[in-house]
Structures are given as C-alpha cells and as structure tokens.
Amino acid sequence: MFSTLSVSTRIGLVALCAATFTAITSELAPVGLLLDMARAFNISTGRAGLAVSAYALIVTVAAVPLTVLTARVERKRLLLIALSGYVVSNLISAFAPTFGIVCFGRAIGGGAHALLMSMVSAYAAHLVPKKLTGRAISFVFGGSSMGGVLGVPGTAAISQLAGWRVALMVVAGLAAVLTVLIAVCLPPVIKPAGRPSGPYKVPRESVRAFAWVISANALFFVGHNVVYTYIAPLLMAHGLPETSVSVALLFIGVFSLSGLWASGLMVDRWPRVGVLASGAAISLGIGLLGGQFMPAWGGVGVAALWCAGYASIIPFMMSGAIRARATTADTAGAAINSTSNLGILLGSALGGQLLAVYGVSVLVPVALGVCALSMLVILLSGNAFPAHLGEHEDEEAAEQVCAERGPLMT
C-alpha cells in the first residue's frame, strides 16, 4: 500500500498505528476489569462503569479546546506529552487507594486521549502525499481496532491471572515503551499539519460541509452504541450461550478489521460510494439482528458485518472532515474525536434507558432510525464526500499541502 514511501515515513505510520492501539487499549481496559474493580472497592458494577463514561466525557468536552490551545506546539512534542499522560493515568489508577482516585487518573487519561486521537489523523496526512491521506488514516486507525480486538481481552486476561492493578501497570508500561520509540523513530512536524498561513477566510460551503460531516459522525456513533453497548444480551436473545459471548466478541472484532482494509481501497477514490456502503453494511447487520429468525452464530455473523461497516466509517469521516477545509486538519480531527465520544455517551445512555423500559427488542429499530438519519446527512455532504476524486485534484491538493507544511526532520 505504501511501497513508494520512504522508510522513515513508513516507520512513522507504524508508530502512529501503535499509538492508537495504546490509546484505545487504555480507554477500554476497564471494560474487562469492571467486576474486579467493583469488588476491590466494594462498589456496584454500574458505579465502576464511571471509569469508562467519565473518560469519554472528558474527551467529548476537551478535544476541541485542547487542540486549539495547543495549535502552536510542535506535533511530535505534543504526541509525546499525550503518551506520557497515558503512562501517568494508568499508574495513578493502578495504585489508587480509592475509586475516586481511579476516576482522577482516568480523567488525566481522557485529556491525553483528547489530544492524541485528535492529532494522529492530521499527523498521518502530513507524512504522506495528499492522494494517500485516506489510506494512511485507515492504516493508523487500524491500531484503534486492534486495541478493541486484542487490548481489551488481553488486559482482562492479565487481570484474571495477576489482578486488575497489574493489568493497568502493563498498559502503563506499554505506553512508556511506545513513548521512547516514538521519541526516537517518528519524524517530527515542523509546522502543524494543515495550518493555513496568513489571513484565510473560510468559504461558507466549507463550513456547511464540515458541519454535515461531524453531524453524520455523531449520529453513526449514537446508532452504533445504542446496540453495541448491549450486544451481549442481544446475542444471548438469539440463543448464544453466555459462555460463548467472549469468543463471539473476539470473532466480531477480528472480522471488523476487514472494514478498515476495504475503506483503505475506496477512501481516496470513491468516498461517497464507500461511506454509503459502510452505512449500508451497518444498517443491514443491525437490521438482521432485529428478528428472532436468526440463529445464535448467524447473529454473530451479521454482527460482524455491522461492525466491519462501523470500522470502515472512521477513515471516511476523518478524511471528509479534513477535505472540507473548514479548519486545520488537527482541529478537524479533534471535532471528529469529540463527536465520536459524544455519540458513545448518548448512544450507551439511550440504549440503557430503552433496555430498562422496553427490553432488548426495541434497540434495533431505534439504531436503524438513527443510522438512516446519518446516511441522509451524508447525502447532503457533497463537498466532504465527493463521488470521485480525480488524479488532478489529488495533485493540486498535494502541491498545496507541500507548500504549507515545510520540511520534515529525520
């Protein structure tokens, strides 16, 4: 995919991929540790879940402001600060004497996450020619999918063997090692990626396209998390034994990586067709789970289709927000990061309320309605999701980026 790129650029993309893996592993680790943490502090599992929701809330609130405030900070230095934040966050949580201190440590991690996940797409875009931007983002965010597939089960396994505190220490150690490797290997950015030089007036159509993109992103995350947060009881309603849920989730996570591969093929060529196909895969997979006719492992299969579509959405949204050219690439990434976490919060909260009042059967139609609304928004986002990206457009954009970004130090 990147055979024409220099060795230092390919190493940089691998380092950014490892950074997103660390970020998502750190964010979602408590999902597999909730029961152990609840027992350790003698609290309910629901209260222990605050370790996850508080993290998402910090990212939602802080992503854009932190990105704007740090716009003049050299990108590599900022990335190292963010990774150091993961180290501190996990160490504080690992040694916390009370659950309140755990949440404090998690809040630090949320701030680090707000910075790191907002800048990695722009950093990747800076390292490659413009025509490879979407594929670079797909590759880098493959680490986030691997964090969900391997990081969460891995920390859960460590917790079972050695305790949840040791699991968090391991995540902190992973972040520390990666910090050192990135300090040595990642090419720094002299000028923040995509930052316009001189006075610049944003066209109204660019602002409108950007608004459509972040709205569609938020809606997709709401629709996905209305169901995904409660996927275990949904699959069990189709006859899947509780003892098989972990294996099913692992299969779903591994298969979802195919969505990132598919998006890498289309995101820089046919963004509109690709993003609508991703939305269709999400809707089809969720819709097939709505009836009772689907057998247990058949339900796992259609859930895998849905999650593959969901994984492929992320590069389209990131590249679409950057392509709108309403703001800098970093701020565009921050807006996607913030609205994604807002969607996670709202979707999981809405799904929980629906589940408590109406039962599992109502989750699917609500999720389908939200996803349909998101696809309607995408149809209105022509500037951000054009039907086709021509070679001449890529070359002109590449020349503009090269004129703006300045040299890379190796």
Protein backbone atom coordinates (compact mmCIF):
# COMPACT_ATOMS: atom_id res chain seq x y z
CA MET A 1 0.00 0.00 0.00
CA PHE A 2 2.85 2.41 0.86
CA SER A 3 5.69 0.87 -1.17
CA THR A 4 6.63 4.23 -2.73
CA LEU A 5 7.10 5.96 0.62
CA SER A 6 10.43 6.40 2.38
CA VAL A 7 11.46 4.09 5.20
CA SER A 8 11.19 6.89 7.77
CA THR A 9 7.63 7.67 6.64
CA ARG A 10 6.57 4.03 6.90
CA ILE A 11 8.12 3.79 10.36
CA GLY A 12 6.21 6.92 11.31
CA LEU A 13 2.89 5.44 10.19
CA VAL A 14 3.58 2.24 12.15
CA ALA A 15 4.39 4.34 15.22
CA LEU A 16 1.11 6.25 14.89
CA CYS A 17 -0.75 2.96 14.47
CA ALA A 18 0.85 1.71 17.69
CA ALA A 19 -0.17 4.96 19.39
CA THR A 20 -3.86 4.47 18.53
CA PHE A 21 -3.61 0.87 19.75
CA THR A 22 -2.27 2.11 23.08
CA ALA A 23 -4.92 4.83 23.26
CA ILE A 24 -7.89 2.51 22.72
CA THR A 25 -6.45 -0.18 24.98
CA SER A 26 -6.07 2.41 27.74
CA GLU A 27 -9.54 3.82 27.12
CA LEU A 28 -11.37 0.48 27.10
CA ALA A 29 -9.26 -1.56 29.54
CA PRO A 30 -11.73 -1.01 32.43
CA VAL A 31 -14.44 -2.71 30.35
CA GLY A 32 -12.73 -6.03 31.05
CA LEU A 33 -11.79 -5.07 34.60
CA LEU A 34 -15.11 -3.74 35.91
CA LEU A 35 -16.05 -6.74 38.03
CA ASP A 36 -12.62 -6.93 39.69
CA MET A 37 -12.54 -3.19 40.30
CA ALA A 38 -16.05 -3.22 41.76
CA ARG A 39 -15.09 -6.00 44.18
CA ALA A 40 -11.84 -4.25 45.14
CA PHE A 41 -13.62 -1.04 46.16
CA ASN A 42 -16.86 -2.69 47.31
CA ILE A 43 -18.99 -0.74 44.84
CA SER A 44 -21.61 -1.71 42.26
CA THR A 45 -20.64 -2.62 38.72
CA GLY A 46 -22.68 0.33 37.47
CA ARG A 47 -20.65 2.74 39.57
CA ALA A 48 -17.42 1.10 38.41
CA GLY A 49 -18.58 1.88 34.88
CA LEU A 50 -17.92 5.55 35.67
CA ALA A 51 -14.28 4.75 34.97
CA VAL A 52 -15.30 4.38 31.31
CA SER A 53 -18.00 7.02 30.97
CA ALA A 54 -16.01 9.73 32.78
CA TYR A 55 -13.16 9.15 30.34
CA ALA A 56 -15.47 9.59 27.34
CA LEU A 57 -16.98 12.72 28.88
CA ILE A 58 -13.54 14.34 29.29
CA VAL A 59 -12.70 13.57 25.64
CA THR A 60 -16.03 14.99 24.46
CA VAL A 61 -15.56 18.25 26.34
CA ALA A 62 -11.81 18.73 25.97
CA ALA A 63 -10.88 17.52 22.47
CA VAL A 64 -11.51 20.71 20.50
CA PRO A 65 -10.44 23.26 23.17
CA LEU A 66 -7.18 21.41 23.90
CA THR A 67 -6.40 21.10 20.21
CA VAL A 68 -6.98 24.81 19.63
CA LEU A 69 -4.94 25.81 22.70
CA THR A 70 -2.01 23.63 21.62
CA ALA A 71 -2.14 24.59 17.93
CA ARG A 72 1.32 26.19 18.03
CA VAL A 73 3.00 23.33 19.90
CA GLU A 74 5.21 21.15 17.72
CA ARG A 75 3.23 18.00 16.88
CA LYS A 76 5.77 15.38 17.91
CA ARG A 77 6.31 17.04 21.28
CA LEU A 78 2.55 17.16 21.82
CA LEU A 79 2.24 13.48 20.88
CA LEU A 80 4.91 12.58 23.44
CA ILE A 81 3.09 14.63 26.09
CA ALA A 82 -0.15 12.77 25.30
CA LEU A 83 1.54 9.36 25.54
CA SER A 84 3.14 10.38 28.84
CA GLY A 85 -0.38 11.25 30.01
CA TYR A 86 -1.43 7.63 29.40
CA VAL A 87 1.52 6.44 31.50
CA VAL A 88 0.60 8.74 34.40
CA SER A 89 -3.13 7.96 34.09
CA ASN A 90 -2.72 4.20 34.26
CA LEU A 91 -0.15 4.33 37.06
CA ILE A 92 -2.39 6.55 39.21
CA SER A 93 -5.34 4.21 38.61
CA ALA A 94 -3.22 1.11 39.28
CA PHE A 95 -2.03 2.37 42.67
CA ALA A 96 -5.24 4.22 43.64
CA PRO A 97 -6.33 3.62 47.24
CA THR A 98 -9.92 4.72 46.49
CA PHE A 99 -12.23 4.62 43.50
CA GLY A 100 -12.25 8.43 43.44
CA ILE A 101 -8.51 8.39 42.74
CA VAL A 102 -9.12 5.85 39.97
CA CYS A 103 -11.52 8.31 38.33
CA PHE A 104 -8.98 11.11 38.76
CA GLY A 105 -6.38 9.03 36.96
CA ARG A 106 -8.89 8.23 34.25
CA ALA A 107 -9.62 11.94 33.82
CA ILE A 108 -5.92 12.52 33.06
CA GLY A 109 -6.15 9.73 30.51
CA GLY A 110 -9.19 11.39 28.96
CA GLY A 111 -7.19 14.59 28.47
CA ALA A 112 -4.35 12.63 26.87
CA HIS A 113 -6.84 10.85 24.65
CA ALA A 114 -8.41 14.15 23.62
CA LEU A 115 -5.01 15.31 22.37
CA LEU A 116 -3.65 12.14 20.81
CA MET A 117 -6.68 10.91 18.90
CA SER A 118 -7.33 14.42 17.60
CA MET A 119 -3.88 14.80 16.08
CA VAL A 120 -2.97 11.37 14.69
CA SER A 121 -5.07 11.70 11.52
CA ALA A 122 -3.52 15.10 10.74
CA TYR A 123 -0.04 13.73 11.56
CA ALA A 124 -0.60 10.83 9.17
CA ALA A 125 -1.88 13.23 6.50
CA HIS A 126 1.26 15.30 6.95
CA LEU A 127 3.59 12.32 6.42
CA VAL A 128 2.16 11.17 3.07
CA PRO A 129 1.18 12.73 -0.28
CA LYS A 130 -2.38 14.04 -0.30
CA LYS A 131 -3.60 11.24 -2.58
CA LEU A 132 -2.65 8.71 0.12
CA THR A 133 -4.25 10.60 3.02
CA GLY A 134 -7.29 8.35 3.39
CA ARG A 135 -5.27 5.15 3.21
CA ALA A 136 -2.79 6.47 5.75
CA ILE A 137 -5.64 7.32 8.14
CA SER A 138 -7.14 3.84 7.60
CA PHE A 139 -3.80 2.25 8.45
CA VAL A 140 -3.21 4.40 11.54
CA PHE A 141 -6.71 3.75 12.88
CA GLY A 142 -6.19 0.04 12.35
CA GLY A 143 -4.37 0.31 15.68
CA SER A 144 -7.55 1.52 17.37
CA SER A 145 -9.45 -1.50 16.06
CA MET A 146 -6.67 -3.80 17.24
CA GLY A 147 -6.93 -2.14 20.65
CA GLY A 148 -10.54 -3.24 20.84
CA VAL A 149 -9.81 -6.70 19.43
CA LEU A 150 -6.65 -7.56 21.38
CA GLY A 151 -6.09 -4.89 24.02
CA VAL A 152 -9.32 -5.32 25.94
CA PRO A 153 -9.29 -9.16 26.05
CA GLY A 154 -5.56 -9.01 26.83
CA THR A 155 -5.97 -6.77 29.86
CA ALA A 156 -8.90 -8.89 31.02
CA ALA A 157 -6.71 -12.00 30.81
CA ILE A 158 -3.90 -10.31 32.78
CA SER A 159 -6.46 -9.25 35.38
CA GLN A 160 -7.60 -12.85 35.81
CA LEU A 161 -4.02 -14.05 36.22
CA ALA A 162 -2.48 -11.27 38.28
CA GLY A 163 -5.16 -8.73 39.20
CA TRP A 164 -6.57 -5.56 37.66
CA ARG A 165 -3.84 -3.34 39.12
CA VAL A 166 -1.16 -5.35 37.33
CA ALA A 167 -3.18 -5.11 34.11
CA LEU A 168 -3.14 -1.32 34.33
CA MET A 169 0.59 -1.36 35.11
CA VAL A 170 1.15 -3.36 31.92
CA VAL A 171 -0.81 -0.78 29.89
CA ALA A 172 1.26 1.99 31.51
CA GLY A 173 4.44 0.10 30.60
CA LEU A 174 3.26 -0.29 27.01
CA ALA A 175 2.65 3.46 26.78
CA ALA A 176 6.08 4.18 28.30
CA VAL A 177 7.90 1.94 25.80
CA LEU A 178 5.99 3.49 22.91
CA THR A 179 6.83 6.99 24.15
CA VAL A 180 10.54 6.17 23.94
CA LEU A 181 10.21 4.54 20.49
CA ILE A 182 8.27 7.48 19.06
CA ALA A 183 10.79 9.94 20.51
CA VAL A 184 13.48 8.11 18.52
CA CYS A 185 11.68 6.98 15.35
CA LEU A 186 8.83 9.34 14.43
CA PRO A 187 9.68 12.21 12.05
CA PRO A 188 8.66 15.50 13.69
CA VAL A 189 6.37 18.05 12.10
CA ILE A 190 7.95 21.50 11.96
CA LYS A 191 4.64 23.22 11.31
CA PRO A 192 1.24 21.91 12.49
CA ALA A 193 -0.28 19.89 9.67
CA GLY A 194 -2.76 21.74 7.53
CA ARG A 195 -2.41 25.05 9.36
CA PRO A 196 -3.12 27.82 6.86
CA SER A 197 -0.52 30.56 6.54
CA GLY A 198 -1.63 34.18 6.52
CA PRO A 199 -5.19 35.56 6.57
CA TYR A 200 -7.73 33.00 5.50
CA LYS A 201 -11.46 33.32 5.09
CA VAL A 202 -13.31 30.01 5.20
CA PRO A 203 -15.92 29.68 2.42
CA ARG A 204 -19.46 29.17 3.64
CA GLU A 205 -19.80 25.91 1.71
CA SER A 206 -16.74 24.52 3.52
CA VAL A 207 -18.27 25.32 6.91
CA ARG A 208 -21.54 23.71 5.82
CA ALA A 209 -19.78 20.56 4.60
CA PHE A 210 -17.79 20.31 7.83
CA ALA A 211 -20.98 20.66 9.89
CA TRP A 212 -22.61 17.86 7.89
CA VAL A 213 -19.62 15.57 8.44
CA ILE A 214 -19.41 15.96 12.21
CA SER A 215 -23.21 15.63 12.46
CA ALA A 216 -23.16 12.40 10.45
CA ASN A 217 -20.28 11.12 12.58
CA ALA A 218 -22.11 11.80 15.85
CA LEU A 219 -25.27 10.12 14.56
CA PHE A 220 -23.42 6.99 13.40
CA PHE A 221 -21.77 6.64 16.81
CA VAL A 222 -25.11 7.09 18.57
CA GLY A 223 -26.78 4.47 16.37
CA HIS A 224 -23.92 2.01 16.77
CA ASN A 225 -23.64 2.34 20.54
CA VAL A 226 -27.37 2.11 21.19
CA VAL A 227 -26.95 -1.55 20.23
CA TYR A 228 -23.26 -2.36 20.64
CA THR A 229 -23.11 -1.38 24.30
CA TYR A 230 -25.67 -4.11 24.96
CA ILE A 231 -24.58 -6.59 22.29
CA ALA A 232 -24.13 -9.41 24.82
CA PRO A 233 -27.82 -9.58 25.87
CA LEU A 234 -28.84 -9.09 22.23
CA LEU A 235 -26.80 -12.08 21.06
CA MET A 236 -27.99 -14.13 24.03
CA ALA A 237 -31.58 -13.34 22.99
CA HIS A 238 -30.76 -15.18 19.76
CA GLY A 239 -29.69 -18.25 21.72
CA LEU A 240 -25.96 -17.65 22.12
CA PRO A 241 -24.78 -19.18 25.42
CA GLU A 242 -23.29 -16.72 27.89
CA THR A 243 -20.10 -18.77 27.98
CA SER A 244 -19.63 -18.13 24.22
CA VAL A 245 -20.05 -14.35 24.32
CA SER A 246 -16.32 -13.59 24.75
CA VAL A 247 -15.40 -15.83 21.80
CA ALA A 248 -18.14 -14.23 19.70
CA LEU A 249 -16.89 -10.72 20.51
CA LEU A 250 -13.34 -11.71 19.60
CA PHE A 251 -14.55 -13.06 16.23
CA ILE A 252 -16.57 -9.88 15.61
CA GLY A 253 -13.57 -7.71 16.46
CA VAL A 254 -11.18 -9.62 14.18
CA PHE A 255 -13.64 -9.55 11.28
CA SER A 256 -14.18 -5.80 11.73
CA LEU A 257 -10.59 -5.26 10.58
CA SER A 258 -11.77 -6.15 7.07
CA GLY A 259 -13.80 -2.93 7.14
CA LEU A 260 -10.64 -0.87 7.58
CA TRP A 261 -8.99 -2.74 4.72
CA ALA A 262 -11.99 -2.05 2.45
CA SER A 263 -12.12 1.62 3.39
CA GLY A 264 -8.43 1.95 2.53
CA LEU A 265 -9.23 0.88 -1.03
CA MET A 266 -12.02 3.41 -1.52
CA VAL A 267 -11.46 6.41 0.74
CA ASP A 268 -9.11 8.22 -1.68
CA ARG A 269 -11.03 7.25 -4.81
CA TRP A 270 -14.78 6.98 -4.28
CA PRO A 271 -15.51 8.46 -0.83
CA ARG A 272 -19.26 8.86 -1.35
CA VAL A 273 -19.85 5.29 -2.51
CA GLY A 274 -17.56 3.98 0.21
CA VAL A 275 -19.16 5.83 3.12
CA LEU A 276 -22.68 4.94 1.95
CA ALA A 277 -21.65 1.29 1.54
CA SER A 278 -20.28 1.36 5.10
CA GLY A 279 -23.55 2.80 6.37
CA ALA A 280 -25.50 0.17 4.42
CA ALA A 281 -23.39 -2.62 5.98
CA ILE A 282 -24.07 -1.20 9.46
CA SER A 283 -27.81 -0.95 8.81
CA LEU A 284 -28.06 -4.39 7.21
CA GLY A 285 -26.16 -6.09 10.03
CA ILE A 286 -28.15 -4.37 12.77
CA GLY A 287 -31.43 -4.93 10.91
CA LEU A 288 -30.88 -8.67 10.56
CA LEU A 289 -30.47 -8.88 14.32
CA GLY A 290 -33.94 -7.39 14.80
CA GLY A 291 -35.95 -10.54 14.21
CA GLN A 292 -35.97 -13.84 16.05
CA PHE A 293 -35.34 -15.93 12.94
CA MET A 294 -31.54 -15.52 13.08
CA PRO A 295 -29.79 -18.43 14.87
CA ALA A 296 -27.12 -17.77 17.51
CA TRP A 297 -23.97 -17.90 15.39
CA GLY A 298 -25.83 -16.44 12.45
CA GLY A 299 -26.44 -13.44 14.71
CA VAL A 300 -22.71 -13.30 15.41
CA GLY A 301 -22.06 -13.30 11.66
CA VAL A 302 -24.38 -10.37 10.90
CA ALA A 303 -23.00 -8.50 13.93
CA ALA A 304 -19.54 -8.96 12.38
CA LEU A 305 -20.83 -7.44 9.12
CA TRP A 306 -22.27 -4.49 11.05
CA CYS A 307 -19.04 -3.90 12.99
CA ALA A 308 -16.94 -4.14 9.81
CA GLY A 309 -19.07 -1.34 8.35
CA TYR A 310 -18.64 0.64 11.56
CA ALA A 311 -14.85 0.24 11.49
CA SER A 312 -14.71 1.44 7.90
CA ILE A 313 -16.72 4.59 8.69
CA ILE A 314 -13.92 6.19 10.75
CA PRO A 315 -11.40 6.87 7.91
CA PHE A 316 -14.18 8.32 5.72
CA MET A 317 -15.27 10.69 8.48
CA MET A 318 -11.71 11.75 9.32
CA SER A 319 -10.71 12.36 5.70
CA GLY A 320 -14.08 14.02 4.96
CA ALA A 321 -13.63 16.47 7.83
CA ILE A 322 -10.14 17.34 6.59
CA ARG A 323 -11.30 17.53 2.95
CA ALA A 324 -13.97 20.08 3.84
CA ARG A 325 -11.12 22.55 4.56
CA ALA A 326 -13.19 24.49 7.06
CA THR A 327 -10.41 24.43 9.66
CA THR A 328 -6.98 22.93 10.28
CA ALA A 329 -6.50 19.18 10.00
CA ASP A 330 -5.81 18.95 13.74
CA THR A 331 -9.00 20.78 14.68
CA ALA A 332 -10.97 18.69 12.20
CA GLY A 333 -9.63 15.54 13.86
CA ALA A 334 -10.49 16.97 17.27
CA ALA A 335 -14.07 17.62 16.17
CA ILE A 336 -14.42 14.03 14.92
CA ASN A 337 -12.87 12.76 18.16
CA SER A 338 -15.23 14.87 20.28
CA THR A 339 -18.41 13.98 18.39
CA SER A 340 -17.44 10.29 18.38
CA ASN A 341 -17.23 10.26 22.17
CA LEU A 342 -20.43 12.30 22.41
CA GLY A 343 -22.09 9.61 20.30
CA ILE A 344 -20.70 6.91 22.59
CA LEU A 345 -22.10 8.67 25.66
CA LEU A 346 -25.52 9.40 24.17
CA GLY A 347 -25.86 6.03 22.45
CA SER A 348 -24.99 3.98 25.51
CA ALA A 349 -27.23 6.12 27.74
CA LEU A 350 -30.16 5.94 25.32
CA GLY A 351 -29.70 2.21 24.84
CA GLY A 352 -29.60 1.66 28.60
CA GLN A 353 -32.85 3.54 29.11
CA LEU A 354 -34.59 1.70 26.27
CA LEU A 355 -33.32 -1.65 27.53
CA ALA A 356 -34.57 -0.97 31.05
CA VAL A 357 -38.03 0.22 29.96
CA TYR A 358 -38.84 -1.70 26.77
CA GLY A 359 -36.41 -4.61 26.62
CA VAL A 360 -33.82 -5.68 24.08
CA SER A 361 -36.19 -5.85 21.10
CA VAL A 362 -36.53 -2.06 20.77
CA LEU A 363 -32.79 -1.38 20.44
CA VAL A 364 -32.54 -2.44 16.79
CA PRO A 365 -35.31 -0.25 15.29
CA VAL A 366 -34.06 2.81 17.18
CA ALA A 367 -30.48 2.22 16.00
CA LEU A 368 -31.70 1.77 12.41
CA GLY A 369 -33.60 5.05 12.55
CA VAL A 370 -30.53 6.95 13.77
CA CYS A 371 -28.30 5.33 11.11
CA ALA A 372 -30.81 6.20 8.38
CA LEU A 373 -30.74 9.82 9.53
CA SER A 374 -26.94 9.78 9.40
CA MET A 375 -26.97 8.48 5.80
CA LEU A 376 -29.38 11.25 4.85
CA VAL A 377 -26.93 13.79 6.28
CA ILE A 378 -24.12 12.20 4.23
CA LEU A 379 -26.16 12.66 1.05
CA LEU A 380 -26.18 16.39 1.83
CA SER A 381 -22.39 16.46 2.31
CA GLY A 382 -21.27 16.55 -1.30
CA ASN A 383 -18.13 18.64 -0.72
CA ALA A 384 -16.82 16.36 2.00
CA PHE A 385 -17.84 13.09 0.32
CA PRO A 386 -17.49 13.62 -3.47
CA ALA A 387 -18.48 10.80 -5.81
CA HIS A 388 -14.98 10.57 -7.26
CA LEU A 389 -11.55 12.04 -6.53
CA GLY A 390 -9.62 12.62 -9.75
CA GLU A 391 -5.85 12.43 -10.07
CA HIS A 392 -5.63 16.12 -10.98
CA GLU A 393 -7.44 17.02 -7.77
CA ASP A 394 -5.02 14.93 -5.75
CA GLU A 395 -2.00 16.53 -7.41
CA GLU A 396 -3.26 20.07 -6.81
CA ALA A 397 -4.04 19.30 -3.18
CA ALA A 398 -0.67 17.66 -2.70
CA GLU A 399 1.09 20.76 -4.05
CA GLN A 400 -0.90 22.96 -1.66
CA VAL A 401 -0.03 20.78 1.35
CA CYS A 402 3.64 20.65 0.39
CA ALA A 403 3.71 24.44 0.13
CA GLU A 404 2.19 24.77 3.60
CA ARG A 405 3.88 22.12 5.66
CA GLY A 406 7.62 22.74 5.38
CA PRO A 407 10.36 20.08 5.76
CA LEU A 408 10.42 17.01 7.95
CA MET A 409 13.40 16.41 10.24
CA THR A 410 14.66 12.83 10.25
